[in-house]
Amino acid sequence: IAGMSFDEALDTLNTLWPVIEYAHPNFIAELNVLPNDARFVAGDQAGLHPTTTLPNCNVNINPAWDLTVGRDNCRIGIYDTGLNWDHEDFSQDNSGNWNQSRVKGGWDWVFGVHPSTKTNADDNGHGSNCGGIVGAIRNNDRGVAGVAGGNGASNQWGVDLYSMKLFDANGSYGKASDLADAITEGATSFNGSYGYSLNVMNCSWFLRNPDI
């Protein structure tokens, strides 16, 4: 439909009952093929798929992947120690170039810079691990398979990641005031200079009283 995005057109078509009972994409059917990511194949992702050692510790991801492997119209903020945006499992062409990264933006509240200005944007590793679980490029023959990492073999990219760095190399620094500001800006629709329009915020941390 001219002038509409894919999702807008789909929503519009689904309002035309009884002329159209149900509209959905013209899906391509495939056999239940698992991704070829090296660590997934090696059985290192028991949380997603049964392994010989851990057959019952997974989220049974395969039926979900039959429906969707993640789409780039979903923005996910990783509120953590940052994301190494140049990592090969975040790179669409393995170039280590910001423009080809699945990390699409964010801010570093520790150093006060945009993540693209730092080649070691995650000096701890925790944030990149969390981001990889969510959105490492799936089926790209390397690394891990992100839950919503798309299908790299078909250049079908998964969710857009945002590096919201609030913790330093020691996993410290994160002040409640900065956390509150970051969460507020993440939830705010982008107006040209403020806001990230995030759909999901991943927060793998807890608050403590510094006097205790």
C-alpha atoms as a PDB file:
ATOM      1  CA  ILE A   1       0.000   0.000   0.000  1.00  0.00           C
ATOM      2  CA  ALA A   2       1.637   3.210  -1.190  1.00  0.00           C
ATOM      3  CA  GLY A   3       3.022   5.406   1.558  1.00  0.00           C
ATOM      4  CA  MET A   4       2.652   2.774   4.283  1.00  0.00           C
ATOM      5  CA  SER A   5       5.259   0.707   6.057  1.00  0.00           C
ATOM      6  CA  PHE A   6       4.970  -3.068   5.960  1.00  0.00           C
ATOM      7  CA  ASP A   7       3.441  -3.191   9.457  1.00  0.00           C
ATOM      8  CA  GLU A   8       1.011  -0.343   8.732  1.00  0.00           C
ATOM      9  CA  ALA A   9      -0.171  -2.065   5.548  1.00  0.00           C
ATOM     10  CA  LEU A  10      -0.630  -5.360   7.369  1.00  0.00           C
ATOM     11  CA  ASP A  11      -2.645  -3.687  10.157  1.00  0.00           C
ATOM     12  CA  THR A  12      -4.826  -1.935   7.589  1.00  0.00           C
ATOM     13  CA  LEU A  13      -5.542  -5.131   5.655  1.00  0.00           C
ATOM     14  CA  ASN A  14      -6.561  -6.853   8.882  1.00  0.00           C
ATOM     15  CA  THR A  15      -9.300  -4.248   9.438  1.00  0.00           C
ATOM     16  CA  LEU A  16     -11.083  -5.151   6.172  1.00  0.00           C
ATOM     17  CA  TRP A  17     -13.096  -8.099   7.471  1.00  0.00           C
ATOM     18  CA  PRO A  18     -15.118  -9.790   5.976  1.00  0.00           C
ATOM     19  CA  VAL A  19     -13.475  -8.914   2.638  1.00  0.00           C
ATOM     20  CA  ILE A  20     -10.152 -10.050   4.096  1.00  0.00           C
ATOM     21  CA  GLU A  21     -10.462 -12.584   6.883  1.00  0.00           C
ATOM     22  CA  TYR A  22      -6.775 -12.544   7.835  1.00  0.00           C
ATOM     23  CA  ALA A  23      -3.684 -11.032   6.241  1.00  0.00           C
ATOM     24  CA  HIS A  24      -0.123 -12.109   6.918  1.00  0.00           C
ATOM     25  CA  PRO A  25       3.212 -12.113   5.081  1.00  0.00           C
ATOM     26  CA  ASN A  26       3.744 -14.622   2.286  1.00  0.00           C
ATOM     27  CA  PHE A  27       6.038 -16.734   4.419  1.00  0.00           C
ATOM     28  CA  ILE A  28       8.665 -19.044   2.936  1.00  0.00           C
ATOM     29  CA  ALA A  29       8.273 -22.534   4.377  1.00  0.00           C
ATOM     30  CA  GLU A  30      11.394 -24.341   5.533  1.00  0.00           C
ATOM     31  CA  LEU A  31      12.110 -27.572   7.314  1.00  0.00           C
ATOM     32  CA  ASN A  32      12.984 -27.179  10.972  1.00  0.00           C
ATOM     33  CA  VAL A  33      16.614 -26.228  10.318  1.00  0.00           C
ATOM     34  CA  LEU A  34      18.758 -25.160  13.275  1.00  0.00           C
ATOM     35  CA  PRO A  35      21.265 -22.310  12.885  1.00  0.00           C
ATOM     36  CA  ASN A  36      24.881 -23.011  11.969  1.00  0.00           C
ATOM     37  CA  ASP A  37      26.472 -20.733  14.595  1.00  0.00           C
ATOM     38  CA  ALA A  38      29.636 -22.447  15.821  1.00  0.00           C
ATOM     39  CA  ARG A  39      28.897 -22.408  19.545  1.00  0.00           C
ATOM     40  CA  PHE A  40      25.265 -23.383  18.998  1.00  0.00           C
ATOM     41  CA  VAL A  41      26.389 -26.374  16.925  1.00  0.00           C
ATOM     42  CA  ALA A  42      28.991 -27.256  19.567  1.00  0.00           C
ATOM     43  CA  GLY A  43      26.262 -27.483  22.199  1.00  0.00           C
ATOM     44  CA  ASP A  44      27.341 -24.410  24.149  1.00  0.00           C
ATOM     45  CA  GLN A  45      23.857 -22.851  24.187  1.00  0.00           C
ATOM     46  CA  ALA A  46      21.966 -25.291  26.362  1.00  0.00           C
ATOM     47  CA  GLY A  47      19.643 -22.467  27.407  1.00  0.00           C
ATOM     48  CA  LEU A  48      18.171 -22.385  23.896  1.00  0.00           C
ATOM     49  CA  HIS A  49      18.325 -25.966  22.675  1.00  0.00           C
ATOM     50  CA  PRO A  50      18.701 -29.360  24.390  1.00  0.00           C
ATOM     51  CA  THR A  51      22.228 -30.720  24.644  1.00  0.00           C
ATOM     52  CA  THR A  52      23.480 -34.152  25.662  1.00  0.00           C
ATOM     53  CA  THR A  53      24.755 -32.825  28.979  1.00  0.00           C
ATOM     54  CA  LEU A  54      21.819 -30.508  29.705  1.00  0.00           C
ATOM     55  CA  PRO A  55      18.721 -31.816  27.908  1.00  0.00           C
ATOM     56  CA  ASN A  56      16.112 -29.997  29.995  1.00  0.00           C
ATOM     57  CA  CYS A  57      17.505 -26.537  30.734  1.00  0.00           C
ATOM     58  CA  ASN A  58      16.328 -24.747  27.602  1.00  0.00           C
ATOM     59  CA  VAL A  59      13.558 -22.322  26.636  1.00  0.00           C
ATOM     60  CA  ASN A  60      12.529 -24.523  23.671  1.00  0.00           C
ATOM     61  CA  ILE A  61      13.381 -21.794  21.161  1.00  0.00           C
ATOM     62  CA  ASN A  62      12.766 -23.835  17.997  1.00  0.00           C
ATOM     63  CA  PRO A  63       8.966 -23.338  17.808  1.00  0.00           C
ATOM     64  CA  ALA A  64       9.474 -19.589  18.291  1.00  0.00           C
ATOM     65  CA  TRP A  65      12.070 -19.520  15.501  1.00  0.00           C
ATOM     66  CA  ASP A  66       9.517 -21.228  13.269  1.00  0.00           C
ATOM     67  CA  LEU A  67       7.424 -18.064  13.638  1.00  0.00           C
ATOM     68  CA  THR A  68      10.115 -15.384  13.688  1.00  0.00           C
ATOM     69  CA  VAL A  69      13.865 -15.124  14.201  1.00  0.00           C
ATOM     70  CA  GLY A  70      13.745 -11.443  15.098  1.00  0.00           C
ATOM     71  CA  ARG A  71      13.094  -8.300  13.071  1.00  0.00           C
ATOM     72  CA  ASP A  72      14.937  -5.013  12.796  1.00  0.00           C
ATOM     73  CA  ASN A  73      11.859  -2.936  13.603  1.00  0.00           C
ATOM     74  CA  CYS A  74      12.366  -3.866  17.262  1.00  0.00           C
ATOM     75  CA  ARG A  75      14.800  -1.767  19.324  1.00  0.00           C
ATOM     76  CA  ILE A  76      16.380  -3.315  22.394  1.00  0.00           C
ATOM     77  CA  GLY A  77      18.491  -1.355  24.858  1.00  0.00           C
ATOM     78  CA  ILE A  78      21.169  -3.265  26.779  1.00  0.00           C
ATOM     79  CA  TYR A  79      21.604  -1.347  30.062  1.00  0.00           C
ATOM     80  CA  ASP A  80      24.908  -2.744  31.199  1.00  0.00           C
ATOM     81  CA  THR A  81      28.677  -2.373  30.689  1.00  0.00           C
ATOM     82  CA  GLY A  82      28.300  -1.442  27.017  1.00  0.00           C
ATOM     83  CA  LEU A  83      28.411  -3.466  23.808  1.00  0.00           C
ATOM     84  CA  ASN A  84      31.498  -4.253  21.757  1.00  0.00           C
ATOM     85  CA  TRP A  85      29.763  -3.165  18.580  1.00  0.00           C
ATOM     86  CA  ASP A  86      32.713  -4.250  16.391  1.00  0.00           C
ATOM     87  CA  HIS A  87      32.515  -7.894  17.535  1.00  0.00           C
ATOM     88  CA  GLU A  88      32.170 -10.320  14.605  1.00  0.00           C
ATOM     89  CA  ASP A  89      28.819 -11.585  15.881  1.00  0.00           C
ATOM     90  CA  PHE A  90      27.374  -8.063  15.774  1.00  0.00           C
ATOM     91  CA  SER A  91      28.861  -7.269  12.340  1.00  0.00           C
ATOM     92  CA  GLN A  92      26.766  -7.801   9.219  1.00  0.00           C
ATOM     93  CA  ASP A  93      29.844  -8.152   6.997  1.00  0.00           C
ATOM     94  CA  ASN A  94      32.523  -8.964   9.606  1.00  0.00           C
ATOM     95  CA  SER A  95      34.245  -5.650   8.821  1.00  0.00           C
ATOM     96  CA  GLY A  96      34.190  -4.206  12.342  1.00  0.00           C
ATOM     97  CA  ASN A  97      32.695  -1.045  10.836  1.00  0.00           C
ATOM     98  CA  TRP A  98      30.114   0.898  12.865  1.00  0.00           C
ATOM     99  CA  ASN A  99      27.781   1.267   9.876  1.00  0.00           C
ATOM    100  CA  GLN A 100      27.605  -2.516   9.512  1.00  0.00           C
ATOM    101  CA  SER A 101      27.015  -3.223  13.189  1.00  0.00           C
ATOM    102  CA  ARG A 102      23.763  -4.511  14.658  1.00  0.00           C
ATOM    103  CA  VAL A 103      24.439  -2.023  17.480  1.00  0.00           C
ATOM    104  CA  LYS A 104      22.624   1.007  16.130  1.00  0.00           C
ATOM    105  CA  GLY A 105      23.134   3.604  18.844  1.00  0.00           C
ATOM    106  CA  GLY A 106      23.162   4.313  22.543  1.00  0.00           C
ATOM    107  CA  TRP A 107      25.238   6.322  24.985  1.00  0.00           C
ATOM    108  CA  ASP A 108      28.116   5.794  27.385  1.00  0.00           C
ATOM    109  CA  TRP A 109      27.157   7.436  30.684  1.00  0.00           C
ATOM    110  CA  VAL A 110      30.489   6.452  32.267  1.00  0.00           C
ATOM    111  CA  PHE A 111      32.693   8.364  29.832  1.00  0.00           C
ATOM    112  CA  GLY A 112      30.067  10.677  28.329  1.00  0.00           C
ATOM    113  CA  VAL A 113      30.552   9.597  24.700  1.00  0.00           C
ATOM    114  CA  HIS A 114      28.713   7.844  21.889  1.00  0.00           C
ATOM    115  CA  PRO A 115      29.638   4.126  21.727  1.00  0.00           C
ATOM    116  CA  SER A 116      30.893   4.468  18.153  1.00  0.00           C
ATOM    117  CA  THR A 117      33.832   6.568  19.410  1.00  0.00           C
ATOM    118  CA  LYS A 118      35.315   3.629  21.368  1.00  0.00           C
ATOM    119  CA  THR A 119      36.706   0.422  19.867  1.00  0.00           C
ATOM    120  CA  ASN A 120      36.496  -1.280  23.276  1.00  0.00           C
ATOM    121  CA  ALA A 121      33.067   0.003  24.151  1.00  0.00           C
ATOM    122  CA  ASP A 122      32.535  -2.817  26.664  1.00  0.00           C
ATOM    123  CA  ASP A 123      35.579  -2.952  28.948  1.00  0.00           C
ATOM    124  CA  ASN A 124      33.995  -5.592  31.173  1.00  0.00           C
ATOM    125  CA  GLY A 125      32.313  -8.090  28.863  1.00  0.00           C
ATOM    126  CA  HIS A 126      29.037  -8.574  30.729  1.00  0.00           C
ATOM    127  CA  GLY A 127      27.058  -6.238  28.494  1.00  0.00           C
ATOM    128  CA  SER A 128      28.295  -7.844  25.285  1.00  0.00           C
ATOM    129  CA  ASN A 129      27.405 -11.282  26.655  1.00  0.00           C
ATOM    130  CA  CYS A 130      23.869 -10.101  27.426  1.00  0.00           C
ATOM    131  CA  GLY A 131      23.577  -8.396  24.054  1.00  0.00           C
ATOM    132  CA  GLY A 132      24.775 -11.550  22.329  1.00  0.00           C
ATOM    133  CA  ILE A 133      22.111 -13.672  24.003  1.00  0.00           C
ATOM    134  CA  VAL A 134      19.511 -11.222  22.707  1.00  0.00           C
ATOM    135  CA  GLY A 135      20.754 -10.210  19.289  1.00  0.00           C
ATOM    136  CA  ALA A 136      24.006 -11.811  18.118  1.00  0.00           C
ATOM    137  CA  ILE A 137      23.576 -12.471  14.414  1.00  0.00           C
ATOM    138  CA  ARG A 138      21.967 -15.877  14.081  1.00  0.00           C
ATOM    139  CA  ASN A 139      22.911 -18.411  11.395  1.00  0.00           C
ATOM    140  CA  ASN A 140      26.093 -16.606  10.288  1.00  0.00           C
ATOM    141  CA  ASP A 141      28.422 -19.572  10.810  1.00  0.00           C
ATOM    142  CA  ARG A 142      30.208 -17.990  13.763  1.00  0.00           C
ATOM    143  CA  GLY A 143      29.816 -17.285  17.465  1.00  0.00           C
ATOM    144  CA  VAL A 144      26.463 -17.793  19.139  1.00  0.00           C
ATOM    145  CA  ALA A 145      22.881 -17.650  17.921  1.00  0.00           C
ATOM    146  CA  GLY A 146      21.014 -14.658  19.332  1.00  0.00           C
ATOM    147  CA  VAL A 147      17.433 -15.339  20.411  1.00  0.00           C
ATOM    148  CA  ALA A 148      16.259 -12.554  18.069  1.00  0.00           C
ATOM    149  CA  GLY A 149      19.366 -12.336  15.883  1.00  0.00           C
ATOM    150  CA  GLY A 150      17.671 -12.827  12.519  1.00  0.00           C
ATOM    151  CA  ASN A 151      19.059 -15.032   9.766  1.00  0.00           C
ATOM    152  CA  GLY A 152      22.504 -13.913   8.703  1.00  0.00           C
ATOM    153  CA  ALA A 153      22.671 -16.473   5.897  1.00  0.00           C
ATOM    154  CA  SER A 154      19.811 -14.625   4.167  1.00  0.00           C
ATOM    155  CA  ASN A 155      20.806 -11.078   5.192  1.00  0.00           C
ATOM    156  CA  GLN A 156      17.656 -10.997   7.294  1.00  0.00           C
ATOM    157  CA  TRP A 157      18.746  -8.918  10.254  1.00  0.00           C
ATOM    158  CA  GLY A 158      17.344  -9.329  13.713  1.00  0.00           C
ATOM    159  CA  VAL A 159      16.630  -6.763  16.395  1.00  0.00           C
ATOM    160  CA  ASP A 160      18.455  -3.429  16.574  1.00  0.00           C
ATOM    161  CA  LEU A 161      20.648  -3.224  19.674  1.00  0.00           C
ATOM    162  CA  TYR A 162      21.409  -0.075  21.676  1.00  0.00           C
ATOM    163  CA  SER A 163      24.459   0.116  23.904  1.00  0.00           C
ATOM    164  CA  MET A 164      23.398   1.868  27.119  1.00  0.00           C
ATOM    165  CA  LYS A 165      26.639   1.805  29.129  1.00  0.00           C
ATOM    166  CA  LEU A 166      26.121   2.611  32.809  1.00  0.00           C
ATOM    167  CA  PHE A 167      28.782   0.443  34.466  1.00  0.00           C
ATOM    168  CA  ASP A 168      32.573   0.572  34.242  1.00  0.00           C
ATOM    169  CA  ALA A 169      35.166  -2.180  33.807  1.00  0.00           C
ATOM    170  CA  ASN A 170      34.629  -3.301  37.404  1.00  0.00           C
ATOM    171  CA  GLY A 171      30.864  -3.437  37.057  1.00  0.00           C
ATOM    172  CA  SER A 172      30.610  -0.379  39.295  1.00  0.00           C
ATOM    173  CA  TYR A 173      29.618   3.275  38.899  1.00  0.00           C
ATOM    174  CA  GLY A 174      25.967   2.791  38.011  1.00  0.00           C
ATOM    175  CA  LYS A 175      24.226   5.540  39.997  1.00  0.00           C
ATOM    176  CA  ALA A 176      20.459   5.521  40.416  1.00  0.00           C
ATOM    177  CA  SER A 177      20.231   9.053  38.997  1.00  0.00           C
ATOM    178  CA  ASP A 178      21.995   8.029  35.778  1.00  0.00           C
ATOM    179  CA  LEU A 179      19.985   4.820  35.572  1.00  0.00           C
ATOM    180  CA  ALA A 180      16.756   6.789  35.883  1.00  0.00           C
ATOM    181  CA  ASP A 181      17.841   9.279  33.208  1.00  0.00           C
ATOM    182  CA  ALA A 182      18.901   6.469  30.865  1.00  0.00           C
ATOM    183  CA  ILE A 183      15.662   4.525  31.326  1.00  0.00           C
ATOM    184  CA  THR A 184      13.577   7.672  30.808  1.00  0.00           C
ATOM    185  CA  GLU A 185      15.427   8.593  27.614  1.00  0.00           C
ATOM    186  CA  GLY A 186      15.271   5.016  26.377  1.00  0.00           C
ATOM    187  CA  ALA A 187      11.493   4.941  26.754  1.00  0.00           C
ATOM    188  CA  THR A 188      11.012   8.345  25.121  1.00  0.00           C
ATOM    189  CA  SER A 189      10.221   8.537  21.419  1.00  0.00           C
ATOM    190  CA  PHE A 190      13.115  10.037  19.455  1.00  0.00           C
ATOM    191  CA  ASN A 191      12.453  13.703  18.691  1.00  0.00           C
ATOM    192  CA  GLY A 192      15.583  14.441  16.689  1.00  0.00           C
ATOM    193  CA  SER A 193      17.891  15.044  19.618  1.00  0.00           C
ATOM    194  CA  TYR A 194      16.478  13.099  22.588  1.00  0.00           C
ATOM    195  CA  GLY A 195      14.985   9.663  23.097  1.00  0.00           C
ATOM    196  CA  TYR A 196      15.662   6.186  21.747  1.00  0.00           C
ATOM    197  CA  SER A 197      12.163   4.788  21.154  1.00  0.00           C
ATOM    198  CA  LEU A 198      13.209   1.475  22.709  1.00  0.00           C
ATOM    199  CA  ASN A 199      10.729  -1.388  22.675  1.00  0.00           C
ATOM    200  CA  VAL A 200      12.581  -3.489  25.251  1.00  0.00           C
ATOM    201  CA  MET A 201      15.131  -2.668  27.973  1.00  0.00           C
ATOM    202  CA  ASN A 202      17.433  -5.398  29.265  1.00  0.00           C
ATOM    203  CA  CYS A 203      18.619  -4.609  32.825  1.00  0.00           C
ATOM    204  CA  SER A 204      20.839  -7.303  34.366  1.00  0.00           C
ATOM    205  CA  TRP A 205      21.667  -5.495  37.606  1.00  0.00           C
ATOM    206  CA  PHE A 206      20.250  -4.619  41.008  1.00  0.00           C
ATOM    207  CA  LEU A 207      20.338  -1.547  43.218  1.00  0.00           C
ATOM    208  CA  ARG A 208      21.935  -1.504  46.653  1.00  0.00           C
ATOM    209  CA  ASN A 209      22.237   1.054  49.413  1.00  0.00           C
ATOM    210  CA  PRO A 210      25.862   2.366  49.330  1.00  0.00           C
ATOM    211  CA  ASP A 211      25.752   2.782  53.130  1.00  0.00           C
ATOM    212  CA  ILE A 212      25.147  -0.926  53.738  1.00  0.00           C
END
